[in-house]
Amino acid sequence: HFSRTTIGTFGSINAFGTMIFSLVLGRLAVWRGFL
């Protein structure tokens, strides 16, 4: 029962996660990063 505004905020947090994981996991060997 989260509001749409809150769900949108969660989406921003999700995007921040993608940015961080892209920078961090991109430094690993590709198989290790994928798993």
PDB file of all heavy atoms in Angstrom:
ATOM      1  N   HIS A   1       0.803  -1.226   0.000  1.00  0.00           N
ATOM      2  CA  HIS A   1       0.000   0.000   0.000  1.00  0.00           C
ATOM      3  C   HIS A   1       0.839   1.282   0.000  1.00  0.00           C
ATOM      4  O   HIS A   1       0.481   2.265   0.638  1.00  0.00           O
ATOM      5  CB  HIS A   1      -0.962   0.007   1.199  1.00  0.00           C
ATOM      6  CG  HIS A   1      -1.780  -1.240   1.311  1.00  0.00           C
ATOM      7  ND1 HIS A   1      -2.718  -1.589   0.358  1.00  0.00           N
ATOM      8  CD2 HIS A   1      -1.787  -2.241   2.239  1.00  0.00           C
ATOM      9  CE1 HIS A   1      -3.281  -2.747   0.695  1.00  0.00           C
ATOM     10  NE2 HIS A   1      -2.730  -3.163   1.835  1.00  0.00           N
ATOM     11  N   PHE A   2       1.948   1.266  -0.744  1.00  0.00           N
ATOM     12  CA  PHE A   2       2.726   2.486  -0.938  1.00  0.00           C
ATOM     13  C   PHE A   2       2.051   3.349  -2.004  1.00  0.00           C
ATOM     14  O   PHE A   2       1.437   2.832  -2.945  1.00  0.00           O
ATOM     15  CB  PHE A   2       4.156   2.157  -1.366  1.00  0.00           C
ATOM     16  CG  PHE A   2       5.003   1.564  -0.278  1.00  0.00           C
ATOM     17  CD1 PHE A   2       5.330   0.217  -0.282  1.00  0.00           C
ATOM     18  CD2 PHE A   2       5.483   2.358   0.755  1.00  0.00           C
ATOM     19  CE1 PHE A   2       6.112  -0.336   0.722  1.00  0.00           C
ATOM     20  CE2 PHE A   2       6.268   1.814   1.760  1.00  0.00           C
ATOM     21  CZ  PHE A   2       6.582   0.465   1.752  1.00  0.00           C
ATOM     22  N   SER A   3       2.173   4.660  -1.876  1.00  0.00           N
ATOM     23  CA  SER A   3       1.602   5.581  -2.861  1.00  0.00           C
ATOM     24  C   SER A   3       2.445   5.580  -4.131  1.00  0.00           C
ATOM     25  O   SER A   3       3.591   5.116  -4.145  1.00  0.00           O
ATOM     26  CB  SER A   3       1.559   7.000  -2.291  1.00  0.00           C
ATOM     27  OG  SER A   3       2.864   7.523  -2.152  1.00  0.00           O
ATOM     28  N   ARG A   4       1.891   6.114  -5.199  1.00  0.00           N
ATOM     29  CA  ARG A   4       2.639   6.203  -6.457  1.00  0.00           C
ATOM     30  C   ARG A   4       3.861   7.098  -6.309  1.00  0.00           C
ATOM     31  O   ARG A   4       4.921   6.833  -6.891  1.00  0.00           O
ATOM     32  CB  ARG A   4       1.726   6.738  -7.562  1.00  0.00           C
ATOM     33  CG  ARG A   4       0.625   5.762  -7.970  1.00  0.00           C
ATOM     34  CD  ARG A   4      -0.368   6.394  -8.932  1.00  0.00           C
ATOM     35  NE  ARG A   4      -1.415   5.454  -9.298  1.00  0.00           N
ATOM     36  CZ  ARG A   4      -2.478   5.773 -10.035  1.00  0.00           C
ATOM     37  NH1 ARG A   4      -2.624   7.024 -10.466  1.00  0.00           N
ATOM     38  NH2 ARG A   4      -3.380   4.866 -10.321  1.00  0.00           N
ATOM     39  N   THR A   5       3.733   8.180  -5.547  1.00  0.00           N
ATOM     40  CA  THR A   5       4.883   9.061  -5.319  1.00  0.00           C
ATOM     41  C   THR A   5       6.000   8.298  -4.621  1.00  0.00           C
ATOM     42  O   THR A   5       7.182   8.418  -4.990  1.00  0.00           O
ATOM     43  CB  THR A   5       4.466  10.281  -4.476  1.00  0.00           C
ATOM     44  OG1 THR A   5       3.445  10.995  -5.165  1.00  0.00           O
ATOM     45  CG2 THR A   5       5.656  11.200  -4.233  1.00  0.00           C
ATOM     46  N   THR A   6       5.652   7.500  -3.621  1.00  0.00           N
ATOM     47  CA  THR A   6       6.658   6.713  -2.901  1.00  0.00           C
ATOM     48  C   THR A   6       7.278   5.662  -3.812  1.00  0.00           C
ATOM     49  O   THR A   6       8.500   5.443  -3.792  1.00  0.00           O
ATOM     50  CB  THR A   6       6.026   6.032  -1.674  1.00  0.00           C
ATOM     51  OG1 THR A   6       5.438   7.022  -0.839  1.00  0.00           O
ATOM     52  CG2 THR A   6       7.071   5.261  -0.892  1.00  0.00           C
ATOM     53  N   ILE A   7       6.453   5.019  -4.637  1.00  0.00           N
ATOM     54  CA  ILE A   7       6.971   4.020  -5.568  1.00  0.00           C
ATOM     55  C   ILE A   7       7.934   4.680  -6.557  1.00  0.00           C
ATOM     56  O   ILE A   7       8.972   4.110  -6.909  1.00  0.00           O
ATOM     57  CB  ILE A   7       5.811   3.320  -6.308  1.00  0.00           C
ATOM     58  CG1 ILE A   7       5.023   2.463  -5.309  1.00  0.00           C
ATOM     59  CG2 ILE A   7       6.329   2.455  -7.450  1.00  0.00           C
ATOM     60  CD1 ILE A   7       3.738   1.884  -5.871  1.00  0.00           C
ATOM     61  N   GLY A   8       7.603   5.893  -6.996  1.00  0.00           N
ATOM     62  CA  GLY A   8       8.521   6.631  -7.860  1.00  0.00           C
ATOM     63  C   GLY A   8       9.848   6.911  -7.168  1.00  0.00           C
ATOM     64  O   GLY A   8      10.920   6.817  -7.775  1.00  0.00           O
ATOM     65  N   THR A   9       9.791   7.242  -5.879  1.00  0.00           N
ATOM     66  CA  THR A   9      11.013   7.461  -5.107  1.00  0.00           C
ATOM     67  C   THR A   9      11.828   6.175  -5.015  1.00  0.00           C
ATOM     68  O   THR A   9      13.059   6.197  -5.135  1.00  0.00           O
ATOM     69  CB  THR A   9      10.668   7.969  -3.698  1.00  0.00           C
ATOM     70  OG1 THR A   9       9.897   9.167  -3.805  1.00  0.00           O
ATOM     71  CG2 THR A   9      11.926   8.261  -2.896  1.00  0.00           C
ATOM     72  N   PHE A  10      11.145   5.050  -4.809  1.00  0.00           N
ATOM     73  CA  PHE A  10      11.836   3.763  -4.811  1.00  0.00           C
ATOM     74  C   PHE A  10      12.534   3.531  -6.153  1.00  0.00           C
ATOM     75  O   PHE A  10      13.623   2.949  -6.211  1.00  0.00           O
ATOM     76  CB  PHE A  10      10.851   2.628  -4.546  1.00  0.00           C
ATOM     77  CG  PHE A  10      10.344   2.551  -3.130  1.00  0.00           C
ATOM     78  CD1 PHE A  10       9.107   1.983  -2.856  1.00  0.00           C
ATOM     79  CD2 PHE A  10      11.097   3.033  -2.077  1.00  0.00           C
ATOM     80  CE1 PHE A  10       8.634   1.894  -1.554  1.00  0.00           C
ATOM     81  CE2 PHE A  10      10.635   2.962  -0.768  1.00  0.00           C
ATOM     82  CZ  PHE A  10       9.407   2.395  -0.506  1.00  0.00           C
ATOM     83  N   GLY A  11      11.895   3.985  -7.240  1.00  0.00           N
ATOM     84  CA  GLY A  11      12.518   3.853  -8.553  1.00  0.00           C
ATOM     85  C   GLY A  11      13.821   4.622  -8.648  1.00  0.00           C
ATOM     86  O   GLY A  11      14.795   4.155  -9.255  1.00  0.00           O
ATOM     87  N   SER A  12      13.879   5.795  -8.036  1.00  0.00           N
ATOM     88  CA  SER A  12      15.121   6.566  -8.020  1.00  0.00           C
ATOM     89  C   SER A  12      16.196   5.836  -7.231  1.00  0.00           C
ATOM     90  O   SER A  12      17.374   5.826  -7.628  1.00  0.00           O
ATOM     91  CB  SER A  12      14.861   7.947  -7.398  1.00  0.00           C
ATOM     92  OG  SER A  12      13.948   8.695  -8.179  1.00  0.00           O
ATOM     93  N   ILE A  13      15.806   5.226  -6.125  1.00  0.00           N
ATOM     94  CA  ILE A  13      16.759   4.454  -5.330  1.00  0.00           C
ATOM     95  C   ILE A  13      17.253   3.255  -6.132  1.00  0.00           C
ATOM     96  O   ILE A  13      18.441   2.897  -6.101  1.00  0.00           O
ATOM     97  CB  ILE A  13      16.103   4.011  -4.011  1.00  0.00           C
ATOM     98  CG1 ILE A  13      15.766   5.232  -3.157  1.00  0.00           C
ATOM     99  CG2 ILE A  13      17.001   3.045  -3.237  1.00  0.00           C
ATOM    100  CD1 ILE A  13      14.872   4.931  -1.972  1.00  0.00           C
ATOM    101  N   ASN A  14      16.346   2.632  -6.885  1.00  0.00           N
ATOM    102  CA  ASN A  14      16.714   1.518  -7.756  1.00  0.00           C
ATOM    103  C   ASN A  14      17.750   1.960  -8.790  1.00  0.00           C
ATOM    104  O   ASN A  14      18.733   1.251  -9.053  1.00  0.00           O
ATOM    105  CB  ASN A  14      15.453   0.985  -8.429  1.00  0.00           C
ATOM    106  CG  ASN A  14      15.724  -0.165  -9.377  1.00  0.00           C
ATOM    107  OD1 ASN A  14      15.970   0.050 -10.564  1.00  0.00           O
ATOM    108  ND2 ASN A  14      15.665  -1.387  -8.875  1.00  0.00           N
ATOM    109  N   ALA A  15      17.543   3.138  -9.363  1.00  0.00           N
ATOM    110  CA  ALA A  15      18.488   3.657 -10.358  1.00  0.00           C
ATOM    111  C   ALA A  15      19.852   3.937  -9.732  1.00  0.00           C
ATOM    112  O   ALA A  15      20.896   3.692 -10.342  1.00  0.00           O
ATOM    113  CB  ALA A  15      17.928   4.938 -10.978  1.00  0.00           C
ATOM    114  N   PHE A  16      19.844   4.449  -8.503  1.00  0.00           N
ATOM    115  CA  PHE A  16      21.108   4.676  -7.798  1.00  0.00           C
ATOM    116  C   PHE A  16      21.831   3.349  -7.594  1.00  0.00           C
ATOM    117  O   PHE A  16      23.060   3.264  -7.742  1.00  0.00           O
ATOM    118  CB  PHE A  16      20.835   5.360  -6.462  1.00  0.00           C
ATOM    119  CG  PHE A  16      22.076   5.697  -5.687  1.00  0.00           C
ATOM    120  CD1 PHE A  16      23.005   6.600  -6.184  1.00  0.00           C
ATOM    121  CD2 PHE A  16      22.318   5.109  -4.448  1.00  0.00           C
ATOM    122  CE1 PHE A  16      24.145   6.913  -5.475  1.00  0.00           C
ATOM    123  CE2 PHE A  16      23.454   5.413  -3.727  1.00  0.00           C
ATOM    124  CZ  PHE A  16      24.375   6.323  -4.236  1.00  0.00           C
ATOM    125  N   GLY A  17      21.073   2.298  -7.283  1.00  0.00           N
ATOM    126  CA  GLY A  17      21.669   0.978  -7.147  1.00  0.00           C
ATOM    127  C   GLY A  17      22.307   0.520  -8.442  1.00  0.00           C
ATOM    128  O   GLY A  17      23.424  -0.023  -8.442  1.00  0.00           O
ATOM    129  N   THR A  18      21.618   0.733  -9.578  1.00  0.00           N
ATOM    130  CA  THR A  18      22.185   0.356 -10.876  1.00  0.00           C
ATOM    131  C   THR A  18      23.486   1.106 -11.139  1.00  0.00           C
ATOM    132  O   THR A  18      24.469   0.523 -11.605  1.00  0.00           O
ATOM    133  CB  THR A  18      21.179   0.646 -12.007  1.00  0.00           C
ATOM    134  OG1 THR A  18      19.997  -0.130 -11.796  1.00  0.00           O
ATOM    135  CG2 THR A  18      21.774   0.294 -13.359  1.00  0.00           C
ATOM    136  N   MET A  19      23.502   2.391 -10.839  1.00  0.00           N
ATOM    137  CA  MET A  19      24.706   3.184 -11.079  1.00  0.00           C
ATOM    138  C   MET A  19      25.873   2.668 -10.242  1.00  0.00           C
ATOM    139  O   MET A  19      26.988   2.475 -10.747  1.00  0.00           O
ATOM    140  CB  MET A  19      24.442   4.658 -10.763  1.00  0.00           C
ATOM    141  CG  MET A  19      25.596   5.573 -11.126  1.00  0.00           C
ATOM    142  SD  MET A  19      25.198   7.320 -10.892  1.00  0.00           S
ATOM    143  CE  MET A  19      25.130   7.409  -9.099  1.00  0.00           C
ATOM    144  N   ILE A  20      25.624   2.415  -8.957  1.00  0.00           N
ATOM    145  CA  ILE A  20      26.687   1.941  -8.072  1.00  0.00           C
ATOM    146  C   ILE A  20      27.160   0.550  -8.481  1.00  0.00           C
ATOM    147  O   ILE A  20      28.371   0.288  -8.592  1.00  0.00           O
ATOM    148  CB  ILE A  20      26.210   1.940  -6.604  1.00  0.00           C
ATOM    149  CG1 ILE A  20      25.891   3.366  -6.145  1.00  0.00           C
ATOM    150  CG2 ILE A  20      27.261   1.290  -5.702  1.00  0.00           C
ATOM    151  CD1 ILE A  20      27.067   4.324  -6.227  1.00  0.00           C
ATOM    152  N   PHE A  21      26.216  -0.353  -8.729  1.00  0.00           N
ATOM    153  CA  PHE A  21      26.607  -1.713  -9.093  1.00  0.00           C
ATOM    154  C   PHE A  21      27.316  -1.739 -10.453  1.00  0.00           C
ATOM    155  O   PHE A  21      28.206  -2.569 -10.671  1.00  0.00           O
ATOM    156  CB  PHE A  21      25.389  -2.633  -9.108  1.00  0.00           C
ATOM    157  CG  PHE A  21      24.848  -2.947  -7.733  1.00  0.00           C
ATOM    158  CD1 PHE A  21      23.509  -2.743  -7.432  1.00  0.00           C
ATOM    159  CD2 PHE A  21      25.674  -3.431  -6.740  1.00  0.00           C
ATOM    160  CE1 PHE A  21      23.009  -3.014  -6.172  1.00  0.00           C
ATOM    161  CE2 PHE A  21      25.189  -3.710  -5.470  1.00  0.00           C
ATOM    162  CZ  PHE A  21      23.853  -3.504  -5.183  1.00  0.00           C
ATOM    163  N   SER A  22      26.939  -0.851 -11.372  1.00  0.00           N
ATOM    164  CA  SER A  22      27.619  -0.788 -12.668  1.00  0.00           C
ATOM    165  C   SER A  22      29.080  -0.393 -12.489  1.00  0.00           C
ATOM    166  O   SER A  22      29.976  -0.956 -13.126  1.00  0.00           O
ATOM    167  CB  SER A  22      26.915   0.212 -13.593  1.00  0.00           C
ATOM    168  OG  SER A  22      25.624  -0.219 -13.933  1.00  0.00           O
ATOM    169  N   LEU A  23      29.323   0.574 -11.638  1.00  0.00           N
ATOM    170  CA  LEU A  23      30.699   1.027 -11.405  1.00  0.00           C
ATOM    171  C   LEU A  23      31.516  -0.019 -10.657  1.00  0.00           C
ATOM    172  O   LEU A  23      32.697  -0.221 -10.958  1.00  0.00           O
ATOM    173  CB  LEU A  23      30.685   2.346 -10.627  1.00  0.00           C
ATOM    174  CG  LEU A  23      30.079   3.547 -11.352  1.00  0.00           C
ATOM    175  CD1 LEU A  23      29.982   4.744 -10.415  1.00  0.00           C
ATOM    176  CD2 LEU A  23      30.921   3.919 -12.579  1.00  0.00           C
ATOM    177  N   VAL A  24      30.888  -0.700  -9.693  1.00  0.00           N
ATOM    178  CA  VAL A  24      31.619  -1.665  -8.862  1.00  0.00           C
ATOM    179  C   VAL A  24      31.802  -2.998  -9.590  1.00  0.00           C
ATOM    180  O   VAL A  24      32.924  -3.516  -9.701  1.00  0.00           O
ATOM    181  CB  VAL A  24      30.894  -1.882  -7.515  1.00  0.00           C
ATOM    182  CG1 VAL A  24      31.556  -3.012  -6.722  1.00  0.00           C
ATOM    183  CG2 VAL A  24      30.893  -0.596  -6.700  1.00  0.00           C
ATOM    184  N   LEU A  25      30.719  -3.579 -10.091  1.00  0.00           N
ATOM    185  CA  LEU A  25      30.799  -4.890 -10.719  1.00  0.00           C
ATOM    186  C   LEU A  25      31.532  -4.831 -12.064  1.00  0.00           C
ATOM    187  O   LEU A  25      32.071  -5.842 -12.522  1.00  0.00           O
ATOM    188  CB  LEU A  25      29.401  -5.479 -10.914  1.00  0.00           C
ATOM    189  CG  LEU A  25      28.589  -5.710  -9.633  1.00  0.00           C
ATOM    190  CD1 LEU A  25      27.241  -6.344  -9.959  1.00  0.00           C
ATOM    191  CD2 LEU A  25      29.350  -6.579  -8.646  1.00  0.00           C
ATOM    192  N   GLY A  26      31.553  -3.652 -12.697  1.00  0.00           N
ATOM    193  CA  GLY A  26      32.286  -3.503 -13.950  1.00  0.00           C
ATOM    194  C   GLY A  26      33.785  -3.634 -13.789  1.00  0.00           C
ATOM    195  O   GLY A  26      34.516  -3.807 -14.772  1.00  0.00           O
ATOM    196  N   ARG A  27      34.270  -3.593 -12.561  1.00  0.00           N
ATOM    197  CA  ARG A  27      35.703  -3.759 -12.293  1.00  0.00           C
ATOM    198  C   ARG A  27      36.084  -5.217 -12.064  1.00  0.00           C
ATOM    199  O   ARG A  27      37.261  -5.546 -11.964  1.00  0.00           O
ATOM    200  CB  ARG A  27      36.108  -2.918 -11.078  1.00  0.00           C
ATOM    201  CG  ARG A  27      35.924  -1.425 -11.283  1.00  0.00           C
ATOM    202  CD  ARG A  27      36.261  -0.630 -10.036  1.00  0.00           C
ATOM    203  NE  ARG A  27      36.084   0.793 -10.244  1.00  0.00           N
ATOM    204  CZ  ARG A  27      37.010   1.596 -10.722  1.00  0.00           C
ATOM    205  NH1 ARG A  27      38.190   1.119 -11.046  1.00  0.00           N
ATOM    206  NH2 ARG A  27      36.775   2.883 -10.891  1.00  0.00           N
ATOM    207  N   LEU A  28      35.074  -6.088 -11.928  1.00  0.00           N
ATOM    208  CA  LEU A  28      35.340  -7.508 -11.725  1.00  0.00           C
ATOM    209  C   LEU A  28      35.493  -8.222 -13.067  1.00  0.00           C
ATOM    210  O   LEU A  28      35.145  -7.696 -14.114  1.00  0.00           O
ATOM    211  CB  LEU A  28      34.175  -8.152 -10.954  1.00  0.00           C
ATOM    212  CG  LEU A  28      33.847  -7.596  -9.565  1.00  0.00           C
ATOM    213  CD1 LEU A  28      32.638  -8.333  -8.993  1.00  0.00           C
ATOM    214  CD2 LEU A  28      35.032  -7.710  -8.623  1.00  0.00           C
ATOM    215  N   ALA A  29      36.030  -9.447 -13.013  1.00  0.00           N
ATOM    216  CA  ALA A  29      35.978 -10.303 -14.197  1.00  0.00           C
ATOM    217  C   ALA A  29      34.511 -10.484 -14.579  1.00  0.00           C
ATOM    218  O   ALA A  29      33.637 -10.570 -13.714  1.00  0.00           O
ATOM    219  CB  ALA A  29      36.623 -11.654 -13.889  1.00  0.00           C
ATOM    220  N   VAL A  30      34.223 -10.545 -15.882  1.00  0.00           N
ATOM    221  CA  VAL A  30      32.844 -10.444 -16.338  1.00  0.00           C
ATOM    222  C   VAL A  30      31.952 -11.555 -15.802  1.00  0.00           C
ATOM    223  O   VAL A  30      30.806 -11.308 -15.420  1.00  0.00           O
ATOM    224  CB  VAL A  30      32.768 -10.374 -17.885  1.00  0.00           C
ATOM    225  CG1 VAL A  30      33.168  -9.007 -18.379  1.00  0.00           C
ATOM    226  CG2 VAL A  30      33.618 -11.453 -18.532  1.00  0.00           C
ATOM    227  N   TRP A  31      32.436 -12.815 -15.745  1.00  0.00           N
ATOM    228  CA  TRP A  31      31.602 -13.895 -15.216  1.00  0.00           C
ATOM    229  C   TRP A  31      31.301 -13.673 -13.747  1.00  0.00           C
ATOM    230  O   TRP A  31      30.184 -13.870 -13.285  1.00  0.00           O
ATOM    231  CB  TRP A  31      32.285 -15.245 -15.407  1.00  0.00           C
ATOM    232  CG  TRP A  31      31.797 -16.033 -16.579  1.00  0.00           C
ATOM    233  CD1 TRP A  31      32.541 -16.488 -17.623  1.00  0.00           C
ATOM    234  CD2 TRP A  31      30.453 -16.466 -16.851  1.00  0.00           C
ATOM    235  NE1 TRP A  31      31.750 -17.160 -18.523  1.00  0.00           N
ATOM    236  CE2 TRP A  31      30.462 -17.163 -18.069  1.00  0.00           C
ATOM    237  CE3 TRP A  31      29.236 -16.307 -16.179  1.00  0.00           C
ATOM    238  CZ2 TRP A  31      29.323 -17.728 -18.629  1.00  0.00           C
ATOM    239  CZ3 TRP A  31      28.095 -16.857 -16.736  1.00  0.00           C
ATOM    240  CH2 TRP A  31      28.141 -17.565 -17.949  1.00  0.00           C
ATOM    241  N   ARG A  32      32.329 -13.268 -13.009  1.00  0.00           N
ATOM    242  CA  ARG A  32      32.133 -13.032 -11.581  1.00  0.00           C
ATOM    243  C   ARG A  32      31.137 -11.898 -11.361  1.00  0.00           C
ATOM    244  O   ARG A  32      30.280 -11.959 -10.481  1.00  0.00           O
ATOM    245  CB  ARG A  32      33.467 -12.716 -10.921  1.00  0.00           C
ATOM    246  CG  ARG A  32      33.398 -12.545  -9.415  1.00  0.00           C
ATOM    247  CD  ARG A  32      34.779 -12.350  -8.817  1.00  0.00           C
ATOM    248  NE  ARG A  32      35.626 -13.511  -9.047  1.00  0.00           N
ATOM    249  CZ  ARG A  32      36.915 -13.564  -8.698  1.00  0.00           C
ATOM    250  NH1 ARG A  32      37.496 -12.515  -8.151  1.00  0.00           N
ATOM    251  NH2 ARG A  32      37.622 -14.648  -8.915  1.00  0.00           N
ATOM    252  N   GLY A  33      31.247 -10.860 -12.166  1.00  0.00           N
ATOM    253  CA  GLY A  33      30.316  -9.746 -12.050  1.00  0.00           C
ATOM    254  C   GLY A  33      28.891 -10.150 -12.373  1.00  0.00           C
ATOM    255  O   GLY A  33      27.943  -9.737 -11.694  1.00  0.00           O
ATOM    256  N   PHE A  34      28.716 -10.987 -13.420  1.00  0.00           N
ATOM    257  CA  PHE A  34      27.372 -11.417 -13.808  1.00  0.00           C
ATOM    258  C   PHE A  34      26.725 -12.239 -12.699  1.00  0.00           C
ATOM    259  O   PHE A  34      25.568 -12.016 -12.335  1.00  0.00           O
ATOM    260  CB  PHE A  34      27.445 -12.232 -15.102  1.00  0.00           C
ATOM    261  CG  PHE A  34      26.103 -12.697 -15.605  1.00  0.00           C
ATOM    262  CD1 PHE A  34      25.277 -11.827 -16.306  1.00  0.00           C
ATOM    263  CD2 PHE A  34      25.665 -13.994 -15.378  1.00  0.00           C
ATOM    264  CE1 PHE A  34      24.039 -12.251 -16.766  1.00  0.00           C
ATOM    265  CE2 PHE A  34      24.429 -14.425 -15.828  1.00  0.00           C
ATOM    266  CZ  PHE A  34      23.614 -13.552 -16.531  1.00  0.00           C
ATOM    267  N   LEU A  35      27.446 -13.202 -12.153  1.00  0.00           N
ATOM    268  CA  LEU A  35      26.895 -14.032 -11.087  1.00  0.00           C
ATOM    269  C   LEU A  35      26.625 -13.206  -9.829  1.00  0.00           C
ATOM    270  O   LEU A  35      25.634 -13.441  -9.124  1.00  0.00           O
ATOM    271  CB  LEU A  35      27.844 -15.186 -10.774  1.00  0.00           C
ATOM    272  CG  LEU A  35      27.956 -16.260 -11.857  1.00  0.00           C
ATOM    273  CD1 LEU A  35      29.047 -17.273 -11.501  1.00  0.00           C
ATOM    274  CD2 LEU A  35      26.633 -16.976 -12.051  1.00  0.00           C
TER     275      LEU A  35
END
